[in-house]
PDB file of all heavy atoms in Angstrom:
ATOM      1  N   TYR A   1      -2.028  12.908  -4.312  1.00  0.00           N
ATOM      2  CA  TYR A   1      -2.311  14.345  -4.383  1.00  0.00           C
ATOM      3  C   TYR A   1      -3.333  14.746  -3.323  1.00  0.00           C
ATOM      4  O   TYR A   1      -3.161  15.755  -2.628  1.00  0.00           O
ATOM      5  CB  TYR A   1      -2.820  14.708  -5.775  1.00  0.00           C
ATOM      6  CG  TYR A   1      -3.307  16.136  -5.892  1.00  0.00           C
ATOM      7  CD1 TYR A   1      -2.410  17.191  -5.983  1.00  0.00           C
ATOM      8  CD2 TYR A   1      -4.683  16.415  -5.880  1.00  0.00           C
ATOM      9  CE1 TYR A   1      -2.861  18.503  -6.069  1.00  0.00           C
ATOM     10  CE2 TYR A   1      -5.141  17.722  -5.972  1.00  0.00           C
ATOM     11  CZ  TYR A   1      -4.222  18.764  -6.062  1.00  0.00           C
ATOM     12  OH  TYR A   1      -4.674  20.057  -6.141  1.00  0.00           O
ATOM     13  N   LEU A   2      -4.402  13.950  -3.180  1.00  0.00           N
ATOM     14  CA  LEU A   2      -5.415  14.251  -2.167  1.00  0.00           C
ATOM     15  C   LEU A   2      -4.832  14.163  -0.761  1.00  0.00           C
ATOM     16  O   LEU A   2      -5.198  14.935   0.120  1.00  0.00           O
ATOM     17  CB  LEU A   2      -6.598  13.283  -2.304  1.00  0.00           C
ATOM     18  CG  LEU A   2      -7.502  13.465  -3.525  1.00  0.00           C
ATOM     19  CD1 LEU A   2      -8.572  12.387  -3.559  1.00  0.00           C
ATOM     20  CD2 LEU A   2      -8.143  14.849  -3.523  1.00  0.00           C
ATOM     21  N   GLY A   3      -3.926  13.210  -0.550  1.00  0.00           N
ATOM     22  CA  GLY A   3      -3.278  13.104   0.747  1.00  0.00           C
ATOM     23  C   GLY A   3      -2.470  14.340   1.077  1.00  0.00           C
ATOM     24  O   GLY A   3      -2.416  14.780   2.236  1.00  0.00           O
ATOM     25  N   LYS A   4      -1.859  14.910   0.059  1.00  0.00           N
ATOM     26  CA  LYS A   4      -1.094  16.138   0.253  1.00  0.00           C
ATOM     27  C   LYS A   4      -2.012  17.307   0.569  1.00  0.00           C
ATOM     28  O   LYS A   4      -1.714  18.152   1.427  1.00  0.00           O
ATOM     29  CB  LYS A   4      -0.299  16.426  -1.030  1.00  0.00           C
ATOM     30  CG  LYS A   4       0.664  17.589  -0.941  1.00  0.00           C
ATOM     31  CD  LYS A   4       1.874  17.230  -0.110  1.00  0.00           C
ATOM     32  CE  LYS A   4       2.906  18.365  -0.160  1.00  0.00           C
ATOM     33  NZ  LYS A   4       4.055  18.093   0.728  1.00  0.00           N
ATOM     34  N   VAL A   5      -3.185  17.338  -0.112  1.00  0.00           N
ATOM     35  CA  VAL A   5      -4.118  18.455   0.056  1.00  0.00           C
ATOM     36  C   VAL A   5      -4.960  18.291   1.319  1.00  0.00           C
ATOM     37  O   VAL A   5      -5.084  19.229   2.122  1.00  0.00           O
ATOM     38  CB  VAL A   5      -5.034  18.576  -1.178  1.00  0.00           C
ATOM     39  CG1 VAL A   5      -6.111  19.625  -0.943  1.00  0.00           C
ATOM     40  CG2 VAL A   5      -4.213  18.924  -2.405  1.00  0.00           C
ATOM     41  N   LEU A   6      -5.539  17.091   1.526  1.00  0.00           N
ATOM     42  CA  LEU A   6      -6.460  16.871   2.641  1.00  0.00           C
ATOM     43  C   LEU A   6      -5.738  16.625   3.960  1.00  0.00           C
ATOM     44  O   LEU A   6      -6.132  17.165   4.997  1.00  0.00           O
ATOM     45  CB  LEU A   6      -7.373  15.674   2.343  1.00  0.00           C
ATOM     46  CG  LEU A   6      -8.333  15.810   1.156  1.00  0.00           C
ATOM     47  CD1 LEU A   6      -9.106  14.513   0.969  1.00  0.00           C
ATOM     48  CD2 LEU A   6      -9.292  16.970   1.354  1.00  0.00           C
ATOM     49  N   GLY A   7      -4.709  15.815   3.895  1.00  0.00           N
ATOM     50  CA  GLY A   7      -4.041  15.418   5.125  1.00  0.00           C
ATOM     51  C   GLY A   7      -2.748  16.131   5.403  1.00  0.00           C
ATOM     52  O   GLY A   7      -2.149  15.941   6.473  1.00  0.00           O
ATOM     53  N   LYS A   8      -2.301  16.952   4.468  1.00  0.00           N
ATOM     54  CA  LYS A   8      -1.033  17.670   4.620  1.00  0.00           C
ATOM     55  C   LYS A   8       0.119  16.711   4.939  1.00  0.00           C
ATOM     56  O   LYS A   8       1.045  17.039   5.687  1.00  0.00           O
ATOM     57  CB  LYS A   8      -1.133  18.731   5.730  1.00  0.00           C
ATOM     58  CG  LYS A   8      -2.331  19.671   5.607  1.00  0.00           C
ATOM     59  CD  LYS A   8      -2.269  20.510   4.348  1.00  0.00           C
ATOM     60  CE  LYS A   8      -3.438  21.490   4.265  1.00  0.00           C
ATOM     61  NZ  LYS A   8      -3.422  22.282   3.006  1.00  0.00           N
ATOM     62  N   GLU A   9       0.053  15.508   4.356  1.00  0.00           N
ATOM     63  CA  GLU A   9       1.079  14.519   4.635  1.00  0.00           C
ATOM     64  C   GLU A   9       2.145  14.534   3.547  1.00  0.00           C
ATOM     65  O   GLU A   9       1.820  14.630   2.354  1.00  0.00           O
ATOM     66  CB  GLU A   9       0.454  13.122   4.735  1.00  0.00           C
ATOM     67  CG  GLU A   9      -0.472  12.965   5.938  1.00  0.00           C
ATOM     68  CD  GLU A   9      -0.959  11.531   6.093  1.00  0.00           C
ATOM     69  OE1 GLU A   9      -0.900  10.780   5.100  1.00  0.00           O
ATOM     70  OE2 GLU A   9      -1.393  11.176   7.199  1.00  0.00           O
ATOM     71  N   PRO A  10       3.409  14.421   3.923  1.00  0.00           N
ATOM     72  CA  PRO A  10       4.482  14.415   2.919  1.00  0.00           C
ATOM     73  C   PRO A  10       4.402  13.170   2.037  1.00  0.00           C
ATOM     74  O   PRO A  10       3.883  12.130   2.450  1.00  0.00           O
ATOM     75  CB  PRO A  10       5.752  14.413   3.768  1.00  0.00           C
ATOM     76  CG  PRO A  10       5.335  13.872   5.097  1.00  0.00           C
ATOM     77  CD  PRO A  10       3.922  14.319   5.291  1.00  0.00           C
ATOM     78  N   ILE A  11       4.947  13.295   0.850  1.00  0.00           N
ATOM     79  CA  ILE A  11       4.868  12.195  -0.115  1.00  0.00           C
ATOM     80  C   ILE A  11       5.570  10.951   0.409  1.00  0.00           C
ATOM     81  O   ILE A  11       5.097   9.824   0.217  1.00  0.00           O
ATOM     82  CB  ILE A  11       5.462  12.639  -1.466  1.00  0.00           C
ATOM     83  CG1 ILE A  11       4.555  13.696  -2.113  1.00  0.00           C
ATOM     84  CG2 ILE A  11       5.629  11.444  -2.400  1.00  0.00           C
ATOM     85  CD1 ILE A  11       5.060  14.213  -3.441  1.00  0.00           C
ATOM     86  N   ASP A  12       6.686  11.133   1.090  1.00  0.00           N
ATOM     87  CA  ASP A  12       7.419   9.979   1.614  1.00  0.00           C
ATOM     88  C   ASP A  12       6.546   9.156   2.563  1.00  0.00           C
ATOM     89  O   ASP A  12       6.576   7.916   2.548  1.00  0.00           O
ATOM     90  CB  ASP A  12       8.679  10.435   2.351  1.00  0.00           C
ATOM     91  CG  ASP A  12       9.767  10.921   1.399  1.00  0.00           C
ATOM     92  OD1 ASP A  12       9.606  10.673   0.180  1.00  0.00           O
ATOM     93  OD2 ASP A  12      10.738  11.540   1.854  1.00  0.00           O
ATOM     94  N   LYS A  13       5.789   9.839   3.398  1.00  0.00           N
ATOM     95  CA  LYS A  13       4.919   9.133   4.342  1.00  0.00           C
ATOM     96  C   LYS A  13       3.809   8.393   3.605  1.00  0.00           C
ATOM     97  O   LYS A  13       3.458   7.260   3.961  1.00  0.00           O
ATOM     98  CB  LYS A  13       4.317  10.127   5.335  1.00  0.00           C
ATOM     99  CG  LYS A  13       3.478   9.462   6.422  1.00  0.00           C
ATOM    100  CD  LYS A  13       2.993  10.465   7.450  1.00  0.00           C
ATOM    101  CE  LYS A  13       2.167   9.783   8.537  1.00  0.00           C
ATOM    102  NZ  LYS A  13       1.688  10.748   9.549  1.00  0.00           N
ATOM    103  N   GLN A  14       3.261   9.020   2.567  1.00  0.00           N
ATOM    104  CA  GLN A  14       2.189   8.378   1.805  1.00  0.00           C
ATOM    105  C   GLN A  14       2.696   7.159   1.046  1.00  0.00           C
ATOM    106  O   GLN A  14       2.002   6.141   0.945  1.00  0.00           O
ATOM    107  CB  GLN A  14       1.572   9.381   0.833  1.00  0.00           C
ATOM    108  CG  GLN A  14       0.795  10.492   1.523  1.00  0.00           C
ATOM    109  CD  GLN A  14       0.010  11.315   0.526  1.00  0.00           C
ATOM    110  OE1 GLN A  14      -0.956  10.846  -0.054  1.00  0.00           O
ATOM    111  NE2 GLN A  14       0.446  12.545   0.316  1.00  0.00           N
ATOM    112  N   ILE A  15       3.904   7.254   0.527  1.00  0.00           N
ATOM    113  CA  ILE A  15       4.478   6.097  -0.150  1.00  0.00           C
ATOM    114  C   ILE A  15       4.666   4.950   0.833  1.00  0.00           C
ATOM    115  O   ILE A  15       4.441   3.777   0.500  1.00  0.00           O
ATOM    116  CB  ILE A  15       5.823   6.474  -0.822  1.00  0.00           C
ATOM    117  CG1 ILE A  15       5.550   7.430  -1.997  1.00  0.00           C
ATOM    118  CG2 ILE A  15       6.566   5.224  -1.299  1.00  0.00           C
ATOM    119  CD1 ILE A  15       6.795   7.947  -2.659  1.00  0.00           C
ATOM    120  N   GLY A  16       5.053   5.287   2.063  1.00  0.00           N
ATOM    121  CA  GLY A  16       5.156   4.266   3.098  1.00  0.00           C
ATOM    122  C   GLY A  16       3.821   3.610   3.389  1.00  0.00           C
ATOM    123  O   GLY A  16       3.733   2.383   3.580  1.00  0.00           O
ATOM    124  N   GLN A  17       2.750   4.418   3.425  1.00  0.00           N
ATOM    125  CA  GLN A  17       1.413   3.868   3.636  1.00  0.00           C
ATOM    126  C   GLN A  17       1.010   2.956   2.476  1.00  0.00           C
ATOM    127  O   GLN A  17       0.430   1.881   2.683  1.00  0.00           O
ATOM    128  CB  GLN A  17       0.403   5.010   3.778  1.00  0.00           C
ATOM    129  CG  GLN A  17       0.601   5.866   5.028  1.00  0.00           C
ATOM    130  CD  GLN A  17      -0.218   7.149   4.985  1.00  0.00           C
ATOM    131  OE1 GLN A  17      -0.928   7.410   4.016  1.00  0.00           O
ATOM    132  NE2 GLN A  17      -0.101   7.952   6.032  1.00  0.00           N
ATOM    133  N   PHE A  18       1.325   3.392   1.269  1.00  0.00           N
ATOM    134  CA  PHE A  18       0.996   2.599   0.083  1.00  0.00           C
ATOM    135  C   PHE A  18       1.701   1.246   0.126  1.00  0.00           C
ATOM    136  O   PHE A  18       1.089   0.196  -0.123  1.00  0.00           O
ATOM    137  CB  PHE A  18       1.391   3.368  -1.180  1.00  0.00           C
ATOM    138  CG  PHE A  18       1.142   2.613  -2.454  1.00  0.00           C
ATOM    139  CD1 PHE A  18      -0.100   2.655  -3.059  1.00  0.00           C
ATOM    140  CD2 PHE A  18       2.150   1.858  -3.045  1.00  0.00           C
ATOM    141  CE1 PHE A  18      -0.334   1.949  -4.232  1.00  0.00           C
ATOM    142  CE2 PHE A  18       1.919   1.150  -4.213  1.00  0.00           C
ATOM    143  CZ  PHE A  18       0.675   1.192  -4.813  1.00  0.00           C
ATOM    144  N   ILE A  19       2.975   1.269   0.452  1.00  0.00           N
ATOM    145  CA  ILE A  19       3.752   0.023   0.514  1.00  0.00           C
ATOM    146  C   ILE A  19       3.227  -0.880   1.625  1.00  0.00           C
ATOM    147  O   ILE A  19       3.148  -2.100   1.472  1.00  0.00           O
ATOM    148  CB  ILE A  19       5.249   0.336   0.714  1.00  0.00           C
ATOM    149  CG1 ILE A  19       5.795   1.036  -0.538  1.00  0.00           C
ATOM    150  CG2 ILE A  19       6.039  -0.937   1.009  1.00  0.00           C
ATOM    151  CD1 ILE A  19       7.213   1.531  -0.393  1.00  0.00           C
ATOM    152  N   SER A  20       2.832  -0.273   2.749  1.00  0.00           N
ATOM    153  CA  SER A  20       2.280  -1.052   3.850  1.00  0.00           C
ATOM    154  C   SER A  20       0.998  -1.764   3.434  1.00  0.00           C
ATOM    155  O   SER A  20       0.784  -2.938   3.758  1.00  0.00           O
ATOM    156  CB  SER A  20       1.994  -0.136   5.044  1.00  0.00           C
ATOM    157  OG  SER A  20       1.352  -0.840   6.080  1.00  0.00           O
ATOM    158  N   GLY A  21       0.128  -1.056   2.707  1.00  0.00           N
ATOM    159  CA  GLY A  21      -1.112  -1.672   2.235  1.00  0.00           C
ATOM    160  C   GLY A  21      -0.864  -2.752   1.204  1.00  0.00           C
ATOM    161  O   GLY A  21      -1.476  -3.817   1.233  1.00  0.00           O
ATOM    162  N   ALA A  22       0.053  -2.474   0.277  1.00  0.00           N
ATOM    163  CA  ALA A  22       0.372  -3.462  -0.762  1.00  0.00           C
ATOM    164  C   ALA A  22       1.006  -4.709  -0.164  1.00  0.00           C
ATOM    165  O   ALA A  22       0.813  -5.821  -0.666  1.00  0.00           O
ATOM    166  CB  ALA A  22       1.308  -2.847  -1.796  1.00  0.00           C
ATOM    167  N   GLY A  23       1.753  -4.527   0.924  1.00  0.00           N
ATOM    168  CA  GLY A  23       2.442  -5.649   1.534  1.00  0.00           C
ATOM    169  C   GLY A  23       1.690  -6.299   2.676  1.00  0.00           C
ATOM    170  O   GLY A  23       2.269  -7.121   3.398  1.00  0.00           O
ATOM    171  N   HIS A  24       0.412  -5.952   2.850  1.00  0.00           N
ATOM    172  CA  HIS A  24      -0.381  -6.549   3.932  1.00  0.00           C
ATOM    173  C   HIS A  24      -0.443  -8.063   3.746  1.00  0.00           C
ATOM    174  O   HIS A  24      -0.442  -8.581   2.621  1.00  0.00           O
ATOM    175  CB  HIS A  24      -1.793  -5.963   3.928  1.00  0.00           C
ATOM    176  CG  HIS A  24      -2.611  -6.368   5.106  1.00  0.00           C
ATOM    177  ND1 HIS A  24      -3.391  -7.495   5.113  1.00  0.00           N
ATOM    178  CD2 HIS A  24      -2.760  -5.796   6.325  1.00  0.00           C
ATOM    179  CE1 HIS A  24      -3.998  -7.611   6.278  1.00  0.00           C
ATOM    180  NE2 HIS A  24      -3.635  -6.590   7.031  1.00  0.00           N
ATOM    181  N   ALA A  25      -0.513  -8.777   4.847  1.00  0.00           N
ATOM    182  CA  ALA A  25      -0.459 -10.241   4.804  1.00  0.00           C
ATOM    183  C   ALA A  25      -1.544 -10.833   3.909  1.00  0.00           C
ATOM    184  O   ALA A  25      -1.300 -11.794   3.169  1.00  0.00           O
ATOM    185  CB  ALA A  25      -0.586 -10.799   6.225  1.00  0.00           C
ATOM    186  N   ASN A  26      -2.756 -10.264   3.934  1.00  0.00           N
ATOM    187  CA  ASN A  26      -3.833 -10.798   3.097  1.00  0.00           C
ATOM    188  C   ASN A  26      -3.562 -10.588   1.615  1.00  0.00           C
ATOM    189  O   ASN A  26      -3.856 -11.453   0.783  1.00  0.00           O
ATOM    190  CB  ASN A  26      -5.158 -10.131   3.477  1.00  0.00           C
ATOM    191  CG  ASN A  26      -5.668 -10.607   4.812  1.00  0.00           C
ATOM    192  OD1 ASN A  26      -5.702 -11.794   5.077  1.00  0.00           O
ATOM    193  ND2 ASN A  26      -6.029  -9.684   5.673  1.00  0.00           N
ATOM    194  N   ILE A  27      -3.005  -9.430   1.274  1.00  0.00           N
ATOM    195  CA  ILE A  27      -2.681  -9.159  -0.126  1.00  0.00           C
ATOM    196  C   ILE A  27      -1.587 -10.102  -0.609  1.00  0.00           C
ATOM    197  O   ILE A  27      -1.679 -10.693  -1.697  1.00  0.00           O
ATOM    198  CB  ILE A  27      -2.239  -7.684  -0.301  1.00  0.00           C
ATOM    199  CG1 ILE A  27      -3.376  -6.727   0.116  1.00  0.00           C
ATOM    200  CG2 ILE A  27      -1.817  -7.428  -1.743  1.00  0.00           C
ATOM    201  CD1 ILE A  27      -4.601  -6.817  -0.746  1.00  0.00           C
ATOM    202  N   MET A  28      -0.547 -10.265   0.194  1.00  0.00           N
ATOM    203  CA  MET A  28       0.555 -11.126  -0.206  1.00  0.00           C
ATOM    204  C   MET A  28       0.107 -12.589  -0.289  1.00  0.00           C
ATOM    205  O   MET A  28       0.533 -13.335  -1.185  1.00  0.00           O
ATOM    206  CB  MET A  28       1.722 -10.989   0.773  1.00  0.00           C
ATOM    207  CG  MET A  28       2.334  -9.593   0.818  1.00  0.00           C
ATOM    208  SD  MET A  28       2.729  -8.930  -0.832  1.00  0.00           S
ATOM    209  CE  MET A  28       3.876 -10.157  -1.455  1.00  0.00           C
ATOM    210  N   THR A  29      -0.755 -12.990   0.638  1.00  0.00           N
ATOM    211  CA  THR A  29      -1.290 -14.348   0.588  1.00  0.00           C
ATOM    212  C   THR A  29      -2.042 -14.581  -0.716  1.00  0.00           C
ATOM    213  O   THR A  29      -1.865 -15.599  -1.396  1.00  0.00           O
ATOM    214  CB  THR A  29      -2.242 -14.586   1.777  1.00  0.00           C
ATOM    215  OG1 THR A  29      -1.501 -14.485   2.989  1.00  0.00           O
ATOM    216  CG2 THR A  29      -2.881 -15.969   1.702  1.00  0.00           C
ATOM    217  N   MET A  30      -2.877 -13.624  -1.082  1.00  0.00           N
ATOM    218  CA  MET A  30      -3.650 -13.734  -2.305  1.00  0.00           C
ATOM    219  C   MET A  30      -2.741 -13.792  -3.527  1.00  0.00           C
ATOM    220  O   MET A  30      -2.955 -14.590  -4.455  1.00  0.00           O
ATOM    221  CB  MET A  30      -4.608 -12.542  -2.412  1.00  0.00           C
ATOM    222  CG  MET A  30      -5.535 -12.585  -3.594  1.00  0.00           C
ATOM    223  SD  MET A  30      -6.811 -11.305  -3.466  1.00  0.00           S
ATOM    224  CE  MET A  30      -5.821  -9.841  -3.257  1.00  0.00           C
ATOM    225  N   CYS A  31      -1.694 -12.976  -3.525  1.00  0.00           N
ATOM    226  CA  CYS A  31      -0.787 -12.936  -4.670  1.00  0.00           C
ATOM    227  C   CYS A  31      -0.038 -14.259  -4.847  1.00  0.00           C
ATOM    228  O   CYS A  31       0.165 -14.726  -5.969  1.00  0.00           O
ATOM    229  CB  CYS A  31       0.210 -11.787  -4.507  1.00  0.00           C
ATOM    230  SG  CYS A  31      -0.506 -10.152  -4.763  1.00  0.00           S
ATOM    231  N   ILE A  32       0.370 -14.859  -3.744  1.00  0.00           N
ATOM    232  CA  ILE A  32       1.075 -16.140  -3.833  1.00  0.00           C
ATOM    233  C   ILE A  32       0.123 -17.231  -4.322  1.00  0.00           C
ATOM    234  O   ILE A  32       0.511 -18.116  -5.106  1.00  0.00           O
ATOM    235  CB  ILE A  32       1.695 -16.514  -2.470  1.00  0.00           C
ATOM    236  CG1 ILE A  32       2.778 -15.500  -2.095  1.00  0.00           C
ATOM    237  CG2 ILE A  32       2.307 -17.914  -2.516  1.00  0.00           C
ATOM    238  CD1 ILE A  32       3.337 -15.661  -0.707  1.00  0.00           C
ATOM    239  N   ILE A  33      -1.142 -17.155  -3.881  1.00  0.00           N
ATOM    240  CA  ILE A  33      -2.138 -18.109  -4.383  1.00  0.00           C
ATOM    241  C   ILE A  33      -2.290 -17.945  -5.895  1.00  0.00           C
ATOM    242  O   ILE A  33      -2.405 -18.933  -6.634  1.00  0.00           O
ATOM    243  CB  ILE A  33      -3.487 -17.915  -3.665  1.00  0.00           C
ATOM    244  CG1 ILE A  33      -3.386 -18.391  -2.212  1.00  0.00           C
ATOM    245  CG2 ILE A  33      -4.604 -18.688  -4.378  1.00  0.00           C
ATOM    246  CD1 ILE A  33      -4.628 -18.133  -1.388  1.00  0.00           C
ATOM    247  N   TYR A  34      -2.294 -16.708  -6.364  1.00  0.00           N
ATOM    248  CA  TYR A  34      -2.359 -16.465  -7.808  1.00  0.00           C
ATOM    249  C   TYR A  34      -1.241 -17.214  -8.527  1.00  0.00           C
ATOM    250  O   TYR A  34      -1.462 -17.901  -9.532  1.00  0.00           O
ATOM    251  CB  TYR A  34      -2.219 -14.973  -8.126  1.00  0.00           C
ATOM    252  CG  TYR A  34      -3.378 -14.099  -7.735  1.00  0.00           C
ATOM    253  CD1 TYR A  34      -3.198 -12.733  -7.553  1.00  0.00           C
ATOM    254  CD2 TYR A  34      -4.650 -14.614  -7.560  1.00  0.00           C
ATOM    255  CE1 TYR A  34      -4.247 -11.907  -7.195  1.00  0.00           C
ATOM    256  CE2 TYR A  34      -5.707 -13.796  -7.210  1.00  0.00           C
ATOM    257  CZ  TYR A  34      -5.494 -12.448  -7.026  1.00  0.00           C
ATOM    258  OH  TYR A  34      -6.532 -11.630  -6.680  1.00  0.00           O
ATOM    259  N   LEU A  35      -0.017 -17.046  -8.028  1.00  0.00           N
ATOM    260  CA  LEU A  35       1.139 -17.655  -8.687  1.00  0.00           C
ATOM    261  C   LEU A  35       1.033 -19.182  -8.695  1.00  0.00           C
ATOM    262  O   LEU A  35       1.243 -19.828  -9.740  1.00  0.00           O
ATOM    263  CB  LEU A  35       2.425 -17.221  -7.987  1.00  0.00           C
ATOM    264  CG  LEU A  35       2.778 -15.730  -8.050  1.00  0.00           C
ATOM    265  CD1 LEU A  35       4.075 -15.450  -7.305  1.00  0.00           C
ATOM    266  CD2 LEU A  35       2.903 -15.261  -9.493  1.00  0.00           C
ATOM    267  N   LEU A  36       0.719 -19.751  -7.532  1.00  0.00           N
ATOM    268  CA  LEU A  36       0.620 -21.203  -7.449  1.00  0.00           C
ATOM    269  C   LEU A  36      -0.532 -21.731  -8.304  1.00  0.00           C
ATOM    270  O   LEU A  36      -0.415 -22.782  -8.944  1.00  0.00           O
ATOM    271  CB  LEU A  36       0.433 -21.630  -5.993  1.00  0.00           C
ATOM    272  CG  LEU A  36       1.644 -21.440  -5.071  1.00  0.00           C
ATOM    273  CD1 LEU A  36       1.273 -21.777  -3.630  1.00  0.00           C
ATOM    274  CD2 LEU A  36       2.817 -22.294  -5.531  1.00  0.00           C
ATOM    275  N   ALA A  37      -1.649 -20.998  -8.289  1.00  0.00           N
ATOM    276  CA  ALA A  37      -2.794 -21.425  -9.083  1.00  0.00           C
ATOM    277  C   ALA A  37      -2.466 -21.385 -10.572  1.00  0.00           C
ATOM    278  O   ALA A  37      -2.836 -22.287 -11.330  1.00  0.00           O
ATOM    279  CB  ALA A  37      -4.003 -20.534  -8.784  1.00  0.00           C
TER     280      ALA A  37
END
């Protein structure tokens, strides 16, 4: 919602940003360590 208000960015673009952050190499590395651990 803030992205829509502050940045005037469409929801599709923000969802892409969210997925990019969630799929960052460090996040994915940590998640796989969780599973193996």
